[in-house]
Amino acid sequence: MRIICRRRQTASSNKDDCPCSPNLVISLTVLAFATLVACAPSADDARANILTQENVLEPDGKYAWKFSTSNGIQAEESGQGGQSVQGSASWVGDDGVPIVLTYTADENGYHPQGVHLPTPPPIPDYILRALRYIEAHSQNN
């Protein structure tokens, strides 16, 4: 890291008049180093190895694959090409909490499931009552 500092010398002295104090230089150096450390991938991820890997492809279009890595990532999927898929993946999040995702995909779309996924808030009671009212009164017509 290079810090540019303009130096000014006066006629009465040879002393440098520099706004870049040693404390500022040290502070900026520490800040830059801390930023690099925080942004670097974890050692486990950088050195992860594939422990198992399997791939199966049948002539009728059925397939399956799975793998696991040394840093705890596991994934698998199977399905009928172009028709349906089911699979799962698991890993440990940045906060140390295990994450498990299961999914299916078919003509009705992609359907993921996992406790880490966001969920909509519950429907308020007054909306549920209104829907029941509408349903009850629409059958009379």
C-alpha atoms as a PDB file:
ATOM      1  CA  MET A   1       0.000   0.000   0.000  1.00  0.00           C
ATOM      2  CA  ARG A   2       1.445   3.359  -0.971  1.00  0.00           C
ATOM      3  CA  ILE A   3       0.306   6.538   0.697  1.00  0.00           C
ATOM      4  CA  ILE A   4       1.044   9.677  -1.233  1.00  0.00           C
ATOM      5  CA  CYS A   5       2.035  12.567   0.959  1.00  0.00           C
ATOM      6  CA  ARG A   6       3.007  15.963  -0.324  1.00  0.00           C
ATOM      7  CA  ARG A   7       5.964  17.308   1.511  1.00  0.00           C
ATOM      8  CA  ARG A   8       6.549  20.966   1.902  1.00  0.00           C
ATOM      9  CA  GLN A   9       9.779  22.484   3.044  1.00  0.00           C
ATOM     10  CA  THR A  10      10.021  26.052   4.197  1.00  0.00           C
ATOM     11  CA  ALA A  11      13.002  28.307   3.672  1.00  0.00           C
ATOM     12  CA  SER A  12      13.520  28.637   7.409  1.00  0.00           C
ATOM     13  CA  SER A  13      13.647  24.914   8.106  1.00  0.00           C
ATOM     14  CA  ASN A  14      14.247  21.610   6.402  1.00  0.00           C
ATOM     15  CA  LYS A  15      11.528  19.966   8.485  1.00  0.00           C
ATOM     16  CA  ASP A  16       8.852  18.121   6.507  1.00  0.00           C
ATOM     17  CA  ASP A  17       5.318  19.400   7.007  1.00  0.00           C
ATOM     18  CA  CYS A  18       3.302  16.284   6.168  1.00  0.00           C
ATOM     19  CA  PRO A  19      -0.379  15.728   7.041  1.00  0.00           C
ATOM     20  CA  CYS A  20       0.224  11.947   6.963  1.00  0.00           C
ATOM     21  CA  SER A  21       1.115  11.210  10.564  1.00  0.00           C
ATOM     22  CA  PRO A  22       2.587   7.827  11.474  1.00  0.00           C
ATOM     23  CA  ASN A  23      -0.612   7.030  13.406  1.00  0.00           C
ATOM     24  CA  LEU A  24      -2.697   7.623  10.274  1.00  0.00           C
ATOM     25  CA  VAL A  25      -0.439   5.373   8.204  1.00  0.00           C
ATOM     26  CA  ILE A  26      -0.610   2.609  10.823  1.00  0.00           C
ATOM     27  CA  SER A  27      -4.386   2.956  11.158  1.00  0.00           C
ATOM     28  CA  LEU A  28      -4.910   2.732   7.392  1.00  0.00           C
ATOM     29  CA  THR A  29      -2.603  -0.281   7.158  1.00  0.00           C
ATOM     30  CA  VAL A  30      -4.452  -2.109   9.953  1.00  0.00           C
ATOM     31  CA  LEU A  31      -7.814  -1.244   8.377  1.00  0.00           C
ATOM     32  CA  ALA A  32      -6.707  -2.574   4.981  1.00  0.00           C
ATOM     33  CA  PHE A  33      -5.399  -5.794   6.546  1.00  0.00           C
ATOM     34  CA  ALA A  34      -8.606  -6.317   8.563  1.00  0.00           C
ATOM     35  CA  THR A  35     -10.679  -5.829   5.411  1.00  0.00           C
ATOM     36  CA  LEU A  36      -8.651  -8.442   3.538  1.00  0.00           C
ATOM     37  CA  VAL A  37      -8.990 -10.940   6.377  1.00  0.00           C
ATOM     38  CA  ALA A  38     -12.749 -10.398   6.668  1.00  0.00           C
ATOM     39  CA  CYS A  39     -13.314 -10.850   2.921  1.00  0.00           C
ATOM     40  CA  ALA A  40     -11.098 -13.904   2.483  1.00  0.00           C
ATOM     41  CA  PRO A  41     -12.807 -17.284   2.103  1.00  0.00           C
ATOM     42  CA  SER A  42     -12.490 -19.607   5.075  1.00  0.00           C
ATOM     43  CA  ALA A  43      -9.593 -22.030   5.025  1.00  0.00           C
ATOM     44  CA  ASP A  44     -12.023 -24.969   5.013  1.00  0.00           C
ATOM     45  CA  ASP A  45     -13.722 -23.744   1.840  1.00  0.00           C
ATOM     46  CA  ALA A  46     -10.488 -22.849   0.066  1.00  0.00           C
ATOM     47  CA  ARG A  47      -8.996 -26.299   0.701  1.00  0.00           C
ATOM     48  CA  ALA A  48     -12.159 -28.392   0.349  1.00  0.00           C
ATOM     49  CA  ASN A  49     -11.812 -31.695  -1.450  1.00  0.00           C
ATOM     50  CA  ILE A  50     -14.464 -33.822  -3.118  1.00  0.00           C
ATOM     51  CA  LEU A  51     -14.864 -36.921  -0.961  1.00  0.00           C
ATOM     52  CA  THR A  52     -17.516 -38.769  -2.968  1.00  0.00           C
ATOM     53  CA  GLN A  53     -19.026 -38.230  -6.381  1.00  0.00           C
ATOM     54  CA  GLU A  54     -21.460 -40.410  -8.305  1.00  0.00           C
ATOM     55  CA  ASN A  55     -23.208 -39.866 -11.636  1.00  0.00           C
ATOM     56  CA  VAL A  56     -25.737 -42.222 -13.214  1.00  0.00           C
ATOM     57  CA  LEU A  57     -27.436 -41.675 -16.569  1.00  0.00           C
ATOM     58  CA  GLU A  58     -29.874 -44.284 -17.870  1.00  0.00           C
ATOM     59  CA  PRO A  59     -30.838 -44.687 -21.561  1.00  0.00           C
ATOM     60  CA  ASP A  60     -34.491 -43.869 -20.743  1.00  0.00           C
ATOM     61  CA  GLY A  61     -33.543 -40.412 -19.390  1.00  0.00           C
ATOM     62  CA  LYS A  62     -33.482 -41.238 -15.697  1.00  0.00           C
ATOM     63  CA  TYR A  63     -30.488 -39.826 -13.918  1.00  0.00           C
ATOM     64  CA  ALA A  64     -28.980 -39.418 -10.468  1.00  0.00           C
ATOM     65  CA  TRP A  65     -25.963 -37.633  -9.082  1.00  0.00           C
ATOM     66  CA  LYS A  66     -24.537 -36.920  -5.651  1.00  0.00           C
ATOM     67  CA  PHE A  67     -21.398 -35.579  -4.076  1.00  0.00           C
ATOM     68  CA  SER A  68     -19.913 -34.640  -0.723  1.00  0.00           C
ATOM     69  CA  THR A  69     -16.969 -32.422   0.154  1.00  0.00           C
ATOM     70  CA  SER A  70     -14.532 -32.268   3.051  1.00  0.00           C
ATOM     71  CA  ASN A  71     -16.057 -29.023   4.348  1.00  0.00           C
ATOM     72  CA  GLY A  72     -19.468 -30.599   4.924  1.00  0.00           C
ATOM     73  CA  ILE A  73     -21.304 -29.797   1.706  1.00  0.00           C
ATOM     74  CA  GLN A  74     -23.522 -32.601   0.421  1.00  0.00           C
ATOM     75  CA  ALA A  75     -25.914 -32.628  -2.508  1.00  0.00           C
ATOM     76  CA  GLU A  76     -27.889 -35.176  -4.469  1.00  0.00           C
ATOM     77  CA  GLU A  77     -30.502 -35.162  -7.181  1.00  0.00           C
ATOM     78  CA  SER A  78     -32.423 -37.726  -9.186  1.00  0.00           C
ATOM     79  CA  GLY A  79     -35.130 -37.530 -11.737  1.00  0.00           C
ATOM     80  CA  GLN A  80     -36.562 -38.235 -15.111  1.00  0.00           C
ATOM     81  CA  GLY A  81     -35.022 -35.870 -17.656  1.00  0.00           C
ATOM     82  CA  GLY A  82     -37.429 -33.097 -18.574  1.00  0.00           C
ATOM     83  CA  GLN A  83     -40.247 -34.404 -16.355  1.00  0.00           C
ATOM     84  CA  SER A  84     -39.497 -34.388 -12.648  1.00  0.00           C
ATOM     85  CA  VAL A  85     -36.633 -33.901 -10.233  1.00  0.00           C
ATOM     86  CA  GLN A  86     -36.126 -34.380  -6.528  1.00  0.00           C
ATOM     87  CA  GLY A  87     -33.045 -33.567  -4.551  1.00  0.00           C
ATOM     88  CA  SER A  88     -31.415 -32.168  -1.474  1.00  0.00           C
ATOM     89  CA  ALA A  89     -28.405 -30.174  -0.400  1.00  0.00           C
ATOM     90  CA  SER A  90     -26.882 -29.461   2.983  1.00  0.00           C
ATOM     91  CA  TRP A  91     -24.088 -27.240   4.238  1.00  0.00           C
ATOM     92  CA  VAL A  92     -23.065 -25.216   7.283  1.00  0.00           C
ATOM     93  CA  GLY A  93     -23.970 -21.527   7.120  1.00  0.00           C
ATOM     94  CA  ASP A  94     -21.613 -18.671   7.968  1.00  0.00           C
ATOM     95  CA  ASP A  95     -23.179 -18.545  11.441  1.00  0.00           C
ATOM     96  CA  GLY A  96     -22.330 -22.221  12.064  1.00  0.00           C
ATOM     97  CA  VAL A  97     -25.932 -23.421  11.752  1.00  0.00           C
ATOM     98  CA  PRO A  98     -26.497 -26.468   9.509  1.00  0.00           C
ATOM     99  CA  ILE A  99     -28.735 -25.767   6.516  1.00  0.00           C
ATOM    100  CA  VAL A 100     -30.749 -28.508   4.816  1.00  0.00           C
ATOM    101  CA  LEU A 101     -32.639 -27.873   1.593  1.00  0.00           C
ATOM    102  CA  THR A 102     -34.899 -30.407  -0.094  1.00  0.00           C
ATOM    103  CA  TYR A 103     -36.703 -29.759  -3.343  1.00  0.00           C
ATOM    104  CA  THR A 104     -38.839 -31.145  -6.089  1.00  0.00           C
ATOM    105  CA  ALA A 105     -39.435 -29.756  -9.548  1.00  0.00           C
ATOM    106  CA  ASP A 106     -42.085 -30.866 -11.987  1.00  0.00           C
ATOM    107  CA  GLU A 107     -44.754 -29.491 -14.313  1.00  0.00           C
ATOM    108  CA  ASN A 108     -46.062 -27.421 -11.375  1.00  0.00           C
ATOM    109  CA  GLY A 109     -42.733 -25.659 -10.757  1.00  0.00           C
ATOM    110  CA  TYR A 110     -39.868 -25.675  -8.273  1.00  0.00           C
ATOM    111  CA  HIS A 111     -40.781 -26.494  -4.661  1.00  0.00           C
ATOM    112  CA  PRO A 112     -37.969 -25.936  -2.137  1.00  0.00           C
ATOM    113  CA  GLN A 113     -38.337 -26.790   1.562  1.00  0.00           C
ATOM    114  CA  GLY A 114     -36.111 -25.874   4.470  1.00  0.00           C
ATOM    115  CA  VAL A 115     -36.365 -24.166   7.834  1.00  0.00           C
ATOM    116  CA  HIS A 116     -33.942 -21.479   6.625  1.00  0.00           C
ATOM    117  CA  LEU A 117     -36.294 -20.326   3.847  1.00  0.00           C
ATOM    118  CA  PRO A 118     -38.466 -17.268   4.454  1.00  0.00           C
ATOM    119  CA  THR A 119     -42.150 -17.890   5.065  1.00  0.00           C
ATOM    120  CA  PRO A 120     -45.065 -15.516   4.651  1.00  0.00           C
ATOM    121  CA  PRO A 121     -46.726 -14.163   7.781  1.00  0.00           C
ATOM    122  CA  PRO A 122     -49.919 -15.901   8.893  1.00  0.00           C
ATOM    123  CA  ILE A 123     -53.162 -14.682   7.351  1.00  0.00           C
ATOM    124  CA  PRO A 124     -54.916 -12.373   9.832  1.00  0.00           C
ATOM    125  CA  ASP A 125     -58.171 -13.627  11.384  1.00  0.00           C
ATOM    126  CA  TYR A 126     -60.271 -10.836   9.862  1.00  0.00           C
ATOM    127  CA  ILE A 127     -59.112 -11.852   6.370  1.00  0.00           C
ATOM    128  CA  LEU A 128     -59.924 -15.505   7.075  1.00  0.00           C
ATOM    129  CA  ARG A 129     -63.392 -14.510   8.335  1.00  0.00           C
ATOM    130  CA  ALA A 130     -63.942 -12.388   5.224  1.00  0.00           C
ATOM    131  CA  LEU A 131     -62.925 -15.263   2.961  1.00  0.00           C
ATOM    132  CA  ARG A 132     -65.287 -17.645   4.781  1.00  0.00           C
ATOM    133  CA  TYR A 133     -68.089 -15.084   4.462  1.00  0.00           C
ATOM    134  CA  ILE A 134     -67.465 -14.640   0.734  1.00  0.00           C
ATOM    135  CA  GLU A 135     -67.365 -18.392   0.213  1.00  0.00           C
ATOM    136  CA  ALA A 136     -70.574 -18.963   2.186  1.00  0.00           C
ATOM    137  CA  HIS A 137     -72.487 -16.234   0.385  1.00  0.00           C
ATOM    138  CA  SER A 138     -71.229 -17.014  -3.097  1.00  0.00           C
ATOM    139  CA  GLN A 139     -72.723 -20.528  -2.900  1.00  0.00           C
ATOM    140  CA  ASN A 140     -76.198 -19.028  -2.392  1.00  0.00           C
ATOM    141  CA  ASN A 141     -76.111 -17.215  -5.748  1.00  0.00           C
END
